[in-house]
Amino acid sequence: MIEFIARQSVKRGYILGIGIMSSKEIGINHKEYGVTSRGVIKFAEVAMREIGIDIRRDSFSVRFTGGPNGDVAGNSMRLLLERCPRQGF
């Protein structure tokens, strides 16, 4: 389905072309650039801010399903380590 949508995007002349999609094989490589993970982390950051937690300042715990070798979990862990305090590691 992802490949079909990307081909349709090119066929219809959309500005982003195949870049409209994120996958390993077509469009923006989500494994290399971590685009899905960036969305997950931004969502978590906003949700946590709503309950009074600043991820760059406050300590918190995280649990992932799928393990660190998965695209989303692995990139999310990397992003969290870059953005958050290293308290508790």
N, C-alpha and C. Protein backbone atom coordinates (compact mmCIF):
# COMPACT_ATOMS: atom_id res chain seq x y z
N MET A 1 0.82 -1.19 0.00
CA MET A 1 0.00 0.00 0.00
C MET A 1 0.87 1.26 0.00
N ILE A 2 1.96 1.22 0.77
CA ILE A 2 2.84 2.39 0.84
C ILE A 2 3.41 2.72 -0.54
N GLU A 3 3.87 1.69 -1.25
CA GLU A 3 4.43 1.90 -2.58
C GLU A 3 3.38 2.45 -3.55
N PHE A 4 2.16 1.93 -3.45
CA PHE A 4 1.06 2.41 -4.30
C PHE A 4 0.80 3.90 -4.05
N ILE A 5 0.73 4.28 -2.79
CA ILE A 5 0.46 5.68 -2.45
C ILE A 5 1.59 6.57 -2.97
N ALA A 6 2.82 6.13 -2.83
CA ALA A 6 3.95 6.92 -3.33
C ALA A 6 3.90 7.06 -4.85
N ARG A 7 3.59 5.96 -5.55
CA ARG A 7 3.48 6.03 -7.02
C ARG A 7 2.35 6.97 -7.44
N GLN A 8 1.23 6.90 -6.74
CA GLN A 8 0.10 7.79 -7.04
C GLN A 8 0.48 9.25 -6.81
N SER A 9 1.26 9.50 -5.79
CA SER A 9 1.71 10.85 -5.50
C SER A 9 2.52 11.43 -6.66
N VAL A 10 3.42 10.60 -7.20
CA VAL A 10 4.22 11.03 -8.35
C VAL A 10 3.32 11.20 -9.58
N LYS A 11 2.45 10.23 -9.82
CA LYS A 11 1.55 10.24 -10.97
C LYS A 11 0.67 11.49 -10.98
N ARG A 12 0.22 11.89 -9.78
CA ARG A 12 -0.67 13.06 -9.68
C ARG A 12 0.09 14.38 -9.58
N GLY A 13 1.42 14.31 -9.54
CA GLY A 13 2.23 15.53 -9.57
C GLY A 13 2.35 16.25 -8.24
N TYR A 14 2.15 15.55 -7.12
CA TYR A 14 2.31 16.20 -5.83
C TYR A 14 3.75 16.69 -5.65
N ILE A 15 3.89 17.83 -5.05
CA ILE A 15 5.21 18.45 -4.86
C ILE A 15 6.21 17.52 -4.17
N LEU A 16 5.78 16.82 -3.15
CA LEU A 16 6.70 15.95 -2.41
C LEU A 16 7.00 14.65 -3.14
N GLY A 17 6.23 14.31 -4.16
CA GLY A 17 6.45 13.06 -4.88
C GLY A 17 6.45 11.88 -3.94
N ILE A 18 7.46 11.00 -4.06
CA ILE A 18 7.51 9.84 -3.18
C ILE A 18 7.86 10.23 -1.75
N GLY A 19 8.33 11.45 -1.56
CA GLY A 19 8.65 11.93 -0.21
C GLY A 19 7.43 12.09 0.67
N ILE A 20 6.24 11.90 0.09
CA ILE A 20 5.01 11.97 0.88
C ILE A 20 4.93 10.81 1.86
N MET A 21 5.69 9.74 1.61
CA MET A 21 5.64 8.52 2.43
C MET A 21 6.93 8.32 3.22
N SER A 22 6.82 7.55 4.25
CA SER A 22 7.97 7.14 5.05
C SER A 22 7.96 5.62 5.11
N SER A 23 9.01 5.01 4.60
CA SER A 23 9.15 3.55 4.68
C SER A 23 10.62 3.21 4.52
N LYS A 24 10.94 1.94 4.54
CA LYS A 24 12.32 1.52 4.35
C LYS A 24 12.70 1.45 2.87
N GLU A 25 11.71 1.30 2.02
CA GLU A 25 12.00 1.04 0.61
C GLU A 25 11.66 2.19 -0.32
N ILE A 26 10.79 3.08 0.06
CA ILE A 26 10.37 4.16 -0.82
C ILE A 26 10.11 5.41 0.01
N GLY A 27 10.31 6.55 -0.58
CA GLY A 27 10.08 7.80 0.15
C GLY A 27 11.19 8.08 1.14
N ILE A 28 10.85 8.73 2.23
CA ILE A 28 11.82 9.07 3.27
C ILE A 28 12.09 7.81 4.09
N ASN A 29 13.35 7.42 4.19
CA ASN A 29 13.70 6.21 4.92
C ASN A 29 13.51 6.44 6.42
N HIS A 30 12.42 5.89 6.96
CA HIS A 30 12.11 6.17 8.37
C HIS A 30 13.09 5.50 9.32
N LYS A 31 13.77 4.47 8.88
CA LYS A 31 14.76 3.85 9.75
C LYS A 31 15.99 4.74 9.88
N GLU A 32 16.43 5.27 8.76
CA GLU A 32 17.62 6.13 8.75
C GLU A 32 17.37 7.46 9.44
N TYR A 33 16.24 8.09 9.15
CA TYR A 33 15.96 9.43 9.67
C TYR A 33 15.09 9.43 10.92
N GLY A 34 14.50 8.31 11.25
CA GLY A 34 13.70 8.22 12.48
C GLY A 34 12.47 9.10 12.49
N VAL A 35 11.82 9.28 11.34
CA VAL A 35 10.69 10.20 11.29
C VAL A 35 9.51 9.74 12.14
N THR A 36 9.24 8.45 12.17
CA THR A 36 8.14 7.96 13.01
C THR A 36 8.49 8.17 14.47
N SER A 37 9.72 7.89 14.83
CA SER A 37 10.17 8.06 16.21
C SER A 37 10.09 9.51 16.65
N ARG A 38 10.44 10.41 15.77
CA ARG A 38 10.37 11.85 16.11
C ARG A 38 8.94 12.24 16.45
N GLY A 39 7.98 11.71 15.71
CA GLY A 39 6.57 11.98 16.01
C GLY A 39 6.15 11.40 17.34
N VAL A 40 6.60 10.18 17.63
CA VAL A 40 6.27 9.53 18.90
C VAL A 40 6.84 10.33 20.06
N ILE A 41 8.10 10.74 19.94
CA ILE A 41 8.75 11.48 21.02
C ILE A 41 8.11 12.86 21.19
N LYS A 42 7.78 13.53 20.10
CA LYS A 42 7.12 14.85 20.20
C LYS A 42 5.76 14.70 20.88
N PHE A 43 5.00 13.67 20.52
CA PHE A 43 3.71 13.42 21.16
C PHE A 43 3.90 13.20 22.66
N ALA A 44 4.88 12.36 23.02
CA ALA A 44 5.15 12.09 24.44
C ALA A 44 5.56 13.37 25.16
N GLU A 45 6.38 14.17 24.51
CA GLU A 45 6.83 15.43 25.13
C GLU A 45 5.65 16.36 25.42
N VAL A 46 4.75 16.50 24.46
CA VAL A 46 3.58 17.37 24.64
C VAL A 46 2.65 16.79 25.70
N ALA A 47 2.39 15.49 25.65
CA ALA A 47 1.50 14.85 26.63
C ALA A 47 2.06 14.99 28.04
N MET A 48 3.37 14.78 28.17
CA MET A 48 3.99 14.88 29.50
C MET A 48 4.00 16.32 30.00
N ARG A 49 4.17 17.26 29.10
CA ARG A 49 4.10 18.67 29.50
C ARG A 49 2.73 18.99 30.07
N GLU A 50 1.68 18.41 29.47
CA GLU A 50 0.32 18.64 29.94
C GLU A 50 0.11 18.16 31.38
N ILE A 51 0.87 17.17 31.81
CA ILE A 51 0.73 16.69 33.19
C ILE A 51 1.87 17.20 34.08
N GLY A 52 2.60 18.20 33.58
CA GLY A 52 3.60 18.87 34.41
C GLY A 52 5.00 18.28 34.38
N ILE A 53 5.32 17.46 33.40
CA ILE A 53 6.67 16.89 33.30
C ILE A 53 7.39 17.52 32.12
N ASP A 54 8.54 18.11 32.38
CA ASP A 54 9.42 18.65 31.34
C ASP A 54 10.47 17.59 31.05
N ILE A 55 10.44 16.97 29.86
CA ILE A 55 11.34 15.84 29.59
C ILE A 55 12.81 16.25 29.56
N ARG A 56 13.09 17.52 29.38
CA ARG A 56 14.49 17.97 29.35
C ARG A 56 15.02 18.28 30.76
N ARG A 57 14.10 18.35 31.73
CA ARG A 57 14.51 18.74 33.08
C ARG A 57 14.15 17.70 34.14
N ASP A 58 12.99 17.09 34.00
CA ASP A 58 12.48 16.18 35.03
C ASP A 58 12.82 14.73 34.72
N SER A 59 12.94 13.94 35.77
CA SER A 59 13.14 12.50 35.60
C SER A 59 11.81 11.82 35.29
N PHE A 60 11.86 10.77 34.49
CA PHE A 60 10.67 9.97 34.17
C PHE A 60 11.13 8.60 33.68
N SER A 61 10.21 7.67 33.60
CA SER A 61 10.50 6.32 33.13
C SER A 61 9.84 6.09 31.78
N VAL A 62 10.43 5.21 30.99
CA VAL A 62 9.90 4.89 29.66
C VAL A 62 9.89 3.37 29.50
N ARG A 63 8.85 2.86 28.86
CA ARG A 63 8.78 1.44 28.51
C ARG A 63 8.42 1.34 27.03
N PHE A 64 9.11 0.48 26.33
CA PHE A 64 8.85 0.26 24.91
C PHE A 64 8.40 -1.17 24.69
N THR A 65 7.59 -1.38 23.68
CA THR A 65 7.31 -2.74 23.22
C THR A 65 8.04 -2.90 21.90
N GLY A 66 8.45 -4.10 21.60
CA GLY A 66 9.13 -4.35 20.34
C GLY A 66 10.64 -4.38 20.46
N GLY A 67 11.19 -3.86 21.53
CA GLY A 67 12.63 -3.94 21.75
C GLY A 67 13.44 -2.87 21.04
N PRO A 68 14.69 -2.72 21.45
CA PRO A 68 15.54 -1.66 20.93
C PRO A 68 16.00 -1.87 19.49
N ASN A 69 15.83 -3.07 18.94
CA ASN A 69 16.24 -3.31 17.57
C ASN A 69 15.19 -2.88 16.55
N GLY A 70 13.99 -2.58 17.02
CA GLY A 70 12.95 -2.10 16.12
C GLY A 70 13.21 -0.67 15.71
N ASP A 71 12.70 -0.29 14.55
CA ASP A 71 12.93 1.06 14.03
C ASP A 71 12.45 2.14 14.99
N VAL A 72 11.21 2.04 15.42
CA VAL A 72 10.62 3.09 16.25
C VAL A 72 11.23 3.11 17.64
N ALA A 73 11.30 1.96 18.29
CA ALA A 73 11.84 1.92 19.65
C ALA A 73 13.32 2.30 19.67
N GLY A 74 14.10 1.76 18.75
CA GLY A 74 15.54 2.05 18.72
C GLY A 74 15.82 3.53 18.49
N ASN A 75 15.15 4.12 17.50
CA ASN A 75 15.34 5.55 17.23
C ASN A 75 14.78 6.41 18.36
N SER A 76 13.67 5.98 18.96
CA SER A 76 13.10 6.75 20.08
C SER A 76 14.06 6.78 21.26
N MET A 77 14.68 5.65 21.55
CA MET A 77 15.65 5.62 22.65
C MET A 77 16.82 6.56 22.37
N ARG A 78 17.29 6.54 21.13
CA ARG A 78 18.39 7.44 20.75
C ARG A 78 17.97 8.90 20.94
N LEU A 79 16.78 9.24 20.47
CA LEU A 79 16.29 10.62 20.61
C LEU A 79 16.13 11.03 22.07
N LEU A 80 15.60 10.12 22.88
CA LEU A 80 15.44 10.44 24.31
C LEU A 80 16.79 10.66 24.98
N LEU A 81 17.76 9.84 24.63
CA LEU A 81 19.10 10.01 25.23
C LEU A 81 19.71 11.34 24.81
N GLU A 82 19.41 11.81 23.61
CA GLU A 82 19.93 13.10 23.14
C GLU A 82 19.24 14.28 23.84
N ARG A 83 17.95 14.16 24.11
CA ARG A 83 17.15 15.29 24.58
C ARG A 83 16.93 15.37 26.08
N CYS A 84 17.09 14.26 26.77
CA CYS A 84 16.66 14.20 28.16
C CYS A 84 17.83 14.06 29.12
N PRO A 85 17.58 14.41 30.37
CA PRO A 85 18.64 14.23 31.38
C PRO A 85 19.00 12.76 31.52
N ARG A 86 20.23 12.49 31.84
CA ARG A 86 20.68 11.11 31.98
C ARG A 86 20.54 10.60 33.40
N GLN A 87 19.67 11.19 34.17
CA GLN A 87 19.43 10.74 35.53
C GLN A 87 18.85 9.34 35.51
N GLY A 88 19.40 8.48 36.33
CA GLY A 88 18.85 7.14 36.46
C GLY A 88 19.43 6.12 35.49
N PHE A 89 20.34 6.55 34.61
CA PHE A 89 20.95 5.59 33.67
C PHE A 89 22.18 4.97 34.29
